[in-house]
Amino acid sequence: VALTVVGTDPAQQALTSERTLQEMHAGHT
């Protein structure tokens, strides 16, 4: 059972573009 976590860390959100965050979440998924 893989628990894929796609919430956004506020610190990471402040340092990373929304597009990059979406790509990271898509990659983990």
PDB file of all heavy atoms in Angstrom:
ATOM      1  N   VAL A   1       0.877  -1.165   0.000  1.00  0.00           N
ATOM      2  CA  VAL A   1       0.000   0.000   0.000  1.00  0.00           C
ATOM      3  C   VAL A   1       0.915   1.214   0.000  1.00  0.00           C
ATOM      4  O   VAL A   1       1.694   1.418   0.927  1.00  0.00           O
ATOM      5  CB  VAL A   1      -0.942   0.037   1.225  1.00  0.00           C
ATOM      6  CG1 VAL A   1      -1.723   1.348   1.259  1.00  0.00           C
ATOM      7  CG2 VAL A   1      -1.901  -1.151   1.212  1.00  0.00           C
ATOM      8  N   ALA A   2       0.827   1.992  -1.059  1.00  0.00           N
ATOM      9  CA  ALA A   2       1.640   3.208  -1.172  1.00  0.00           C
ATOM     10  C   ALA A   2       0.794   4.398  -0.757  1.00  0.00           C
ATOM     11  O   ALA A   2      -0.280   4.626  -1.314  1.00  0.00           O
ATOM     12  CB  ALA A   2       2.127   3.380  -2.608  1.00  0.00           C
ATOM     13  N   LEU A   3       1.255   5.118   0.235  1.00  0.00           N
ATOM     14  CA  LEU A   3       0.597   6.352   0.651  1.00  0.00           C
ATOM     15  C   LEU A   3       1.281   7.506  -0.074  1.00  0.00           C
ATOM     16  O   LEU A   3       2.381   7.909   0.282  1.00  0.00           O
ATOM     17  CB  LEU A   3       0.693   6.532   2.167  1.00  0.00           C
ATOM     18  CG  LEU A   3       0.052   5.432   3.008  1.00  0.00           C
ATOM     19  CD1 LEU A   3       0.272   5.698   4.493  1.00  0.00           C
ATOM     20  CD2 LEU A   3      -1.428   5.296   2.697  1.00  0.00           C
ATOM     21  N   THR A   4       0.629   7.990  -1.106  1.00  0.00           N
ATOM     22  CA  THR A   4       1.174   9.069  -1.913  1.00  0.00           C
ATOM     23  C   THR A   4       0.702  10.388  -1.324  1.00  0.00           C
ATOM     24  O   THR A   4      -0.487  10.689  -1.335  1.00  0.00           O
ATOM     25  CB  THR A   4       0.705   8.946  -3.374  1.00  0.00           C
ATOM     26  OG1 THR A   4       1.085   7.662  -3.864  1.00  0.00           O
ATOM     27  CG2 THR A   4       1.317  10.028  -4.242  1.00  0.00           C
ATOM     28  N   VAL A   5       1.638  11.153  -0.794  1.00  0.00           N
ATOM     29  CA  VAL A   5       1.315  12.407  -0.115  1.00  0.00           C
ATOM     30  C   VAL A   5       1.517  13.556  -1.101  1.00  0.00           C
ATOM     31  O   VAL A   5       2.602  13.738  -1.637  1.00  0.00           O
ATOM     32  CB  VAL A   5       2.210  12.582   1.131  1.00  0.00           C
ATOM     33  CG1 VAL A   5       1.897  13.880   1.838  1.00  0.00           C
ATOM     34  CG2 VAL A   5       2.017  11.397   2.075  1.00  0.00           C
ATOM     35  N   VAL A   6       0.451  14.324  -1.316  1.00  0.00           N
ATOM     36  CA  VAL A   6       0.528  15.415  -2.291  1.00  0.00           C
ATOM     37  C   VAL A   6       0.145  16.765  -1.699  1.00  0.00           C
ATOM     38  O   VAL A   6      -0.132  17.710  -2.427  1.00  0.00           O
ATOM     39  CB  VAL A   6      -0.324  15.113  -3.555  1.00  0.00           C
ATOM     40  CG1 VAL A   6       0.239  13.919  -4.300  1.00  0.00           C
ATOM     41  CG2 VAL A   6      -1.782  14.906  -3.202  1.00  0.00           C
ATOM     42  N   GLY A   7       0.181  16.866  -0.381  1.00  0.00           N
ATOM     43  CA  GLY A   7      -0.033  18.161   0.250  1.00  0.00           C
ATOM     44  C   GLY A   7       1.180  19.051   0.011  1.00  0.00           C
ATOM     45  O   GLY A   7       2.261  18.573  -0.316  1.00  0.00           O
ATOM     46  N   THR A   8       1.000  20.344   0.172  1.00  0.00           N
ATOM     47  CA  THR A   8       2.087  21.288  -0.096  1.00  0.00           C
ATOM     48  C   THR A   8       2.629  21.867   1.203  1.00  0.00           C
ATOM     49  O   THR A   8       1.885  22.432   1.999  1.00  0.00           O
ATOM     50  CB  THR A   8       1.603  22.423  -1.013  1.00  0.00           C
ATOM     51  OG1 THR A   8       1.112  21.838  -2.224  1.00  0.00           O
ATOM     52  CG2 THR A   8       2.729  23.378  -1.343  1.00  0.00           C
ATOM     53  N   ASP A   9       3.917  21.722   1.383  1.00  0.00           N
ATOM     54  CA  ASP A   9       4.623  22.280   2.526  1.00  0.00           C
ATOM     55  C   ASP A   9       4.709  23.798   2.329  1.00  0.00           C
ATOM     56  O   ASP A   9       5.205  24.255   1.298  1.00  0.00           O
ATOM     57  CB  ASP A   9       6.012  21.658   2.580  1.00  0.00           C
ATOM     58  CG  ASP A   9       6.846  22.141   3.744  1.00  0.00           C
ATOM     59  OD1 ASP A   9       6.531  23.203   4.327  1.00  0.00           O
ATOM     60  OD2 ASP A   9       7.832  21.467   4.066  1.00  0.00           O
ATOM     61  N   PRO A  10       4.223  24.596   3.292  1.00  0.00           N
ATOM     62  CA  PRO A  10       4.266  26.054   3.131  1.00  0.00           C
ATOM     63  C   PRO A  10       5.665  26.602   2.849  1.00  0.00           C
ATOM     64  O   PRO A  10       5.824  27.515   2.043  1.00  0.00           O
ATOM     65  CB  PRO A  10       3.723  26.580   4.452  1.00  0.00           C
ATOM     66  CG  PRO A  10       2.912  25.465   5.014  1.00  0.00           C
ATOM     67  CD  PRO A  10       3.578  24.210   4.539  1.00  0.00           C
ATOM     68  N   ALA A  11       6.688  26.045   3.486  1.00  0.00           N
ATOM     69  CA  ALA A  11       8.054  26.517   3.247  1.00  0.00           C
ATOM     70  C   ALA A  11       8.475  26.213   1.814  1.00  0.00           C
ATOM     71  O   ALA A  11       9.083  27.045   1.139  1.00  0.00           O
ATOM     72  CB  ALA A  11       9.015  25.865   4.227  1.00  0.00           C
ATOM     73  N   GLN A  12       8.128  25.023   1.353  1.00  0.00           N
ATOM     74  CA  GLN A  12       8.461  24.649  -0.018  1.00  0.00           C
ATOM     75  C   GLN A  12       7.683  25.497  -1.019  1.00  0.00           C
ATOM     76  O   GLN A  12       8.211  25.908  -2.044  1.00  0.00           O
ATOM     77  CB  GLN A  12       8.156  23.164  -0.225  1.00  0.00           C
ATOM     78  CG  GLN A  12       8.722  22.587  -1.484  1.00  0.00           C
ATOM     79  CD  GLN A  12       8.469  21.093  -1.556  1.00  0.00           C
ATOM     80  OE1 GLN A  12       7.422  20.607  -1.142  1.00  0.00           O
ATOM     81  NE2 GLN A  12       9.425  20.365  -2.088  1.00  0.00           N
ATOM     82  N   GLN A  13       6.447  25.801  -0.678  1.00  0.00           N
ATOM     83  CA  GLN A  13       5.611  26.619  -1.551  1.00  0.00           C
ATOM     84  C   GLN A  13       6.191  28.022  -1.711  1.00  0.00           C
ATOM     85  O   GLN A  13       6.121  28.614  -2.783  1.00  0.00           O
ATOM     86  CB  GLN A  13       4.190  26.692  -0.984  1.00  0.00           C
ATOM     87  CG  GLN A  13       3.190  27.292  -1.932  1.00  0.00           C
ATOM     88  CD  GLN A  13       1.774  27.148  -1.389  1.00  0.00           C
ATOM     89  OE1 GLN A  13       1.565  27.034  -0.181  1.00  0.00           O
ATOM     90  NE2 GLN A  13       0.810  27.148  -2.276  1.00  0.00           N
ATOM     91  N   ALA A  14       6.787  28.534  -0.645  1.00  0.00           N
ATOM     92  CA  ALA A  14       7.369  29.876  -0.698  1.00  0.00           C
ATOM     93  C   ALA A  14       8.616  29.923  -1.585  1.00  0.00           C
ATOM     94  O   ALA A  14       8.949  30.974  -2.131  1.00  0.00           O
ATOM     95  CB  ALA A  14       7.722  30.344   0.708  1.00  0.00           C
ATOM     96  N   LEU A  15       9.281  28.785  -1.735  1.00  0.00           N
ATOM     97  CA  LEU A  15      10.540  28.752  -2.476  1.00  0.00           C
ATOM     98  C   LEU A  15      10.428  28.139  -3.873  1.00  0.00           C
ATOM     99  O   LEU A  15      11.407  28.157  -4.620  1.00  0.00           O
ATOM    100  CB  LEU A  15      11.578  27.950  -1.678  1.00  0.00           C
ATOM    101  CG  LEU A  15      11.905  28.496  -0.290  1.00  0.00           C
ATOM    102  CD1 LEU A  15      12.778  27.510   0.468  1.00  0.00           C
ATOM    103  CD2 LEU A  15      12.583  29.847  -0.412  1.00  0.00           C
ATOM    104  N   THR A  16       9.257  27.600  -4.197  1.00  0.00           N
ATOM    105  CA  THR A  16       9.105  26.849  -5.442  1.00  0.00           C
ATOM    106  C   THR A  16       7.889  27.338  -6.204  1.00  0.00           C
ATOM    107  O   THR A  16       6.867  27.660  -5.601  1.00  0.00           O
ATOM    108  CB  THR A  16       8.942  25.344  -5.126  1.00  0.00           C
ATOM    109  OG1 THR A  16       9.982  24.945  -4.232  1.00  0.00           O
ATOM    110  CG2 THR A  16       9.012  24.486  -6.365  1.00  0.00           C
ATOM    111  N   SER A  17       7.986  27.355  -7.514  1.00  0.00           N
ATOM    112  CA  SER A  17       6.844  27.796  -8.321  1.00  0.00           C
ATOM    113  C   SER A  17       5.717  26.769  -8.244  1.00  0.00           C
ATOM    114  O   SER A  17       5.948  25.584  -7.987  1.00  0.00           O
ATOM    115  CB  SER A  17       7.257  27.991  -9.782  1.00  0.00           C
ATOM    116  OG  SER A  17       7.459  26.743 -10.405  1.00  0.00           O
ATOM    117  N   GLU A  18       4.517  27.222  -8.482  1.00  0.00           N
ATOM    118  CA  GLU A  18       3.347  26.338  -8.467  1.00  0.00           C
ATOM    119  C   GLU A  18       3.502  25.233  -9.511  1.00  0.00           C
ATOM    120  O   GLU A  18       3.158  24.085  -9.263  1.00  0.00           O
ATOM    121  CB  GLU A  18       2.069  27.145  -8.726  1.00  0.00           C
ATOM    122  CG  GLU A  18       0.800  26.333  -8.615  1.00  0.00           C
ATOM    123  CD  GLU A  18       0.562  25.731  -7.233  1.00  0.00           C
ATOM    124  OE1 GLU A  18       0.974  26.328  -6.226  1.00  0.00           O
ATOM    125  OE2 GLU A  18      -0.043  24.641  -7.150  1.00  0.00           O
ATOM    126  N   ARG A  19       4.021  25.590 -10.665  1.00  0.00           N
ATOM    127  CA  ARG A  19       4.208  24.593 -11.723  1.00  0.00           C
ATOM    128  C   ARG A  19       5.174  23.497 -11.272  1.00  0.00           C
ATOM    129  O   ARG A  19       4.927  22.310 -11.486  1.00  0.00           O
ATOM    130  CB  ARG A  19       4.731  25.265 -12.985  1.00  0.00           C
ATOM    131  CG  ARG A  19       4.972  24.292 -14.115  1.00  0.00           C
ATOM    132  CD  ARG A  19       5.427  24.979 -15.365  1.00  0.00           C
ATOM    133  NE  ARG A  19       5.653  23.987 -16.392  1.00  0.00           N
ATOM    134  CZ  ARG A  19       6.460  24.152 -17.388  1.00  0.00           C
ATOM    135  NH1 ARG A  19       7.118  25.286 -17.538  1.00  0.00           N
ATOM    136  NH2 ARG A  19       6.618  23.207 -18.280  1.00  0.00           N
ATOM    137  N   THR A  20       6.281  23.893 -10.646  1.00  0.00           N
ATOM    138  CA  THR A  20       7.256  22.916 -10.167  1.00  0.00           C
ATOM    139  C   THR A  20       6.646  22.025  -9.098  1.00  0.00           C
ATOM    140  O   THR A  20       6.860  20.804  -9.106  1.00  0.00           O
ATOM    141  CB  THR A  20       8.513  23.624  -9.626  1.00  0.00           C
ATOM    142  OG1 THR A  20       9.093  24.386 -10.689  1.00  0.00           O
ATOM    143  CG2 THR A  20       9.531  22.635  -9.087  1.00  0.00           C
ATOM    144  N   LEU A  21       5.866  22.593  -8.195  1.00  0.00           N
ATOM    145  CA  LEU A  21       5.203  21.791  -7.166  1.00  0.00           C
ATOM    146  C   LEU A  21       4.254  20.782  -7.794  1.00  0.00           C
ATOM    147  O   LEU A  21       4.218  19.612  -7.390  1.00  0.00           O
ATOM    148  CB  LEU A  21       4.444  22.695  -6.193  1.00  0.00           C
ATOM    149  CG  LEU A  21       5.308  23.503  -5.228  1.00  0.00           C
ATOM    150  CD1 LEU A  21       4.444  24.503  -4.460  1.00  0.00           C
ATOM    151  CD2 LEU A  21       6.058  22.594  -4.281  1.00  0.00           C
ATOM    152  N   GLN A  22       3.494  21.209  -8.784  1.00  0.00           N
ATOM    153  CA  GLN A  22       2.580  20.292  -9.465  1.00  0.00           C
ATOM    154  C   GLN A  22       3.337  19.163 -10.156  1.00  0.00           C
ATOM    155  O   GLN A  22       2.922  18.010 -10.113  1.00  0.00           O
ATOM    156  CB  GLN A  22       1.712  21.054 -10.468  1.00  0.00           C
ATOM    157  CG  GLN A  22       0.684  21.944  -9.822  1.00  0.00           C
ATOM    158  CD  GLN A  22      -0.066  22.802 -10.842  1.00  0.00           C
ATOM    159  OE1 GLN A  22       0.189  22.763 -12.032  1.00  0.00           O
ATOM    160  NE2 GLN A  22      -1.019  23.585 -10.337  1.00  0.00           N
ATOM    161  N   GLU A  23       4.451  19.510 -10.776  1.00  0.00           N
ATOM    162  CA  GLU A  23       5.262  18.487 -11.441  1.00  0.00           C
ATOM    163  C   GLU A  23       5.848  17.504 -10.431  1.00  0.00           C
ATOM    164  O   GLU A  23       5.915  16.295 -10.692  1.00  0.00           O
ATOM    165  CB  GLU A  23       6.380  19.142 -12.252  1.00  0.00           C
ATOM    166  CG  GLU A  23       5.882  19.870 -13.482  1.00  0.00           C
ATOM    167  CD  GLU A  23       6.953  20.684 -14.181  1.00  0.00           C
ATOM    168  OE1 GLU A  23       8.095  20.797 -13.653  1.00  0.00           O
ATOM    169  OE2 GLU A  23       6.659  21.223 -15.260  1.00  0.00           O
ATOM    170  N   MET A  24       6.258  18.005  -9.268  1.00  0.00           N
ATOM    171  CA  MET A  24       6.784  17.131  -8.223  1.00  0.00           C
ATOM    172  C   MET A  24       5.707  16.180  -7.723  1.00  0.00           C
ATOM    173  O   MET A  24       5.948  14.977  -7.571  1.00  0.00           O
ATOM    174  CB  MET A  24       7.338  17.962  -7.062  1.00  0.00           C
ATOM    175  CG  MET A  24       8.621  18.688  -7.405  1.00  0.00           C
ATOM    176  SD  MET A  24       9.154  19.898  -6.157  1.00  0.00           S
ATOM    177  CE  MET A  24       9.070  18.990  -4.642  1.00  0.00           C
ATOM    178  N   HIS A  25       4.513  16.685  -7.494  1.00  0.00           N
ATOM    179  CA  HIS A  25       3.409  15.849  -7.011  1.00  0.00           C
ATOM    180  C   HIS A  25       3.037  14.808  -8.070  1.00  0.00           C
ATOM    181  O   HIS A  25       2.788  13.642  -7.744  1.00  0.00           O
ATOM    182  CB  HIS A  25       2.199  16.710  -6.659  1.00  0.00           C
ATOM    183  CG  HIS A  25       2.420  17.556  -5.440  1.00  0.00           C
ATOM    184  ND1 HIS A  25       1.556  17.593  -4.372  1.00  0.00           N
ATOM    185  CD2 HIS A  25       3.417  18.396  -5.110  1.00  0.00           C
ATOM    186  CE1 HIS A  25       2.022  18.412  -3.449  1.00  0.00           C
ATOM    187  NE2 HIS A  25       3.137  18.915  -3.888  1.00  0.00           N
ATOM    188  N   ALA A  26       2.999  15.240  -9.327  1.00  0.00           N
ATOM    189  CA  ALA A  26       2.687  14.311 -10.414  1.00  0.00           C
ATOM    190  C   ALA A  26       3.757  13.225 -10.503  1.00  0.00           C
ATOM    191  O   ALA A  26       3.444  12.044 -10.721  1.00  0.00           O
ATOM    192  CB  ALA A  26       2.563  15.062 -11.729  1.00  0.00           C
ATOM    193  N   GLY A  27       5.006  13.605 -10.322  1.00  0.00           N
ATOM    194  CA  GLY A  27       6.102  12.635 -10.350  1.00  0.00           C
ATOM    195  C   GLY A  27       6.003  11.623  -9.226  1.00  0.00           C
ATOM    196  O   GLY A  27       6.170  10.420  -9.443  1.00  0.00           O
ATOM    197  N   HIS A  28       5.701  12.094  -8.013  1.00  0.00           N
ATOM    198  CA  HIS A  28       5.527  11.172  -6.881  1.00  0.00           C
ATOM    199  C   HIS A  28       4.347  10.238  -7.129  1.00  0.00           C
ATOM    200  O   HIS A  28       4.422   9.040  -6.831  1.00  0.00           O
ATOM    201  CB  HIS A  28       5.294  11.951  -5.574  1.00  0.00           C
ATOM    202  CG  HIS A  28       6.507  12.608  -5.040  1.00  0.00           C
ATOM    203  ND1 HIS A  28       6.559  13.937  -4.735  1.00  0.00           N
ATOM    204  CD2 HIS A  28       7.734  12.120  -4.760  1.00  0.00           C
ATOM    205  CE1 HIS A  28       7.756  14.241  -4.281  1.00  0.00           C
ATOM    206  NE2 HIS A  28       8.498  13.158  -4.299  1.00  0.00           N
ATOM    207  N   THR A  29       3.273  10.784  -7.664  1.00  0.00           N
ATOM    208  CA  THR A  29       2.087   9.972  -7.935  1.00  0.00           C
ATOM    209  C   THR A  29       2.404   8.895  -8.963  1.00  0.00           C
ATOM    210  O   THR A  29       2.034   7.727  -8.787  1.00  0.00           O
ATOM    211  CB  THR A  29       0.928  10.877  -8.406  1.00  0.00           C
ATOM    212  OG1 THR A  29       0.663  11.848  -7.382  1.00  0.00           O
ATOM    213  CG2 THR A  29      -0.329  10.079  -8.671  1.00  0.00           C
TER     214      THR A  29
END
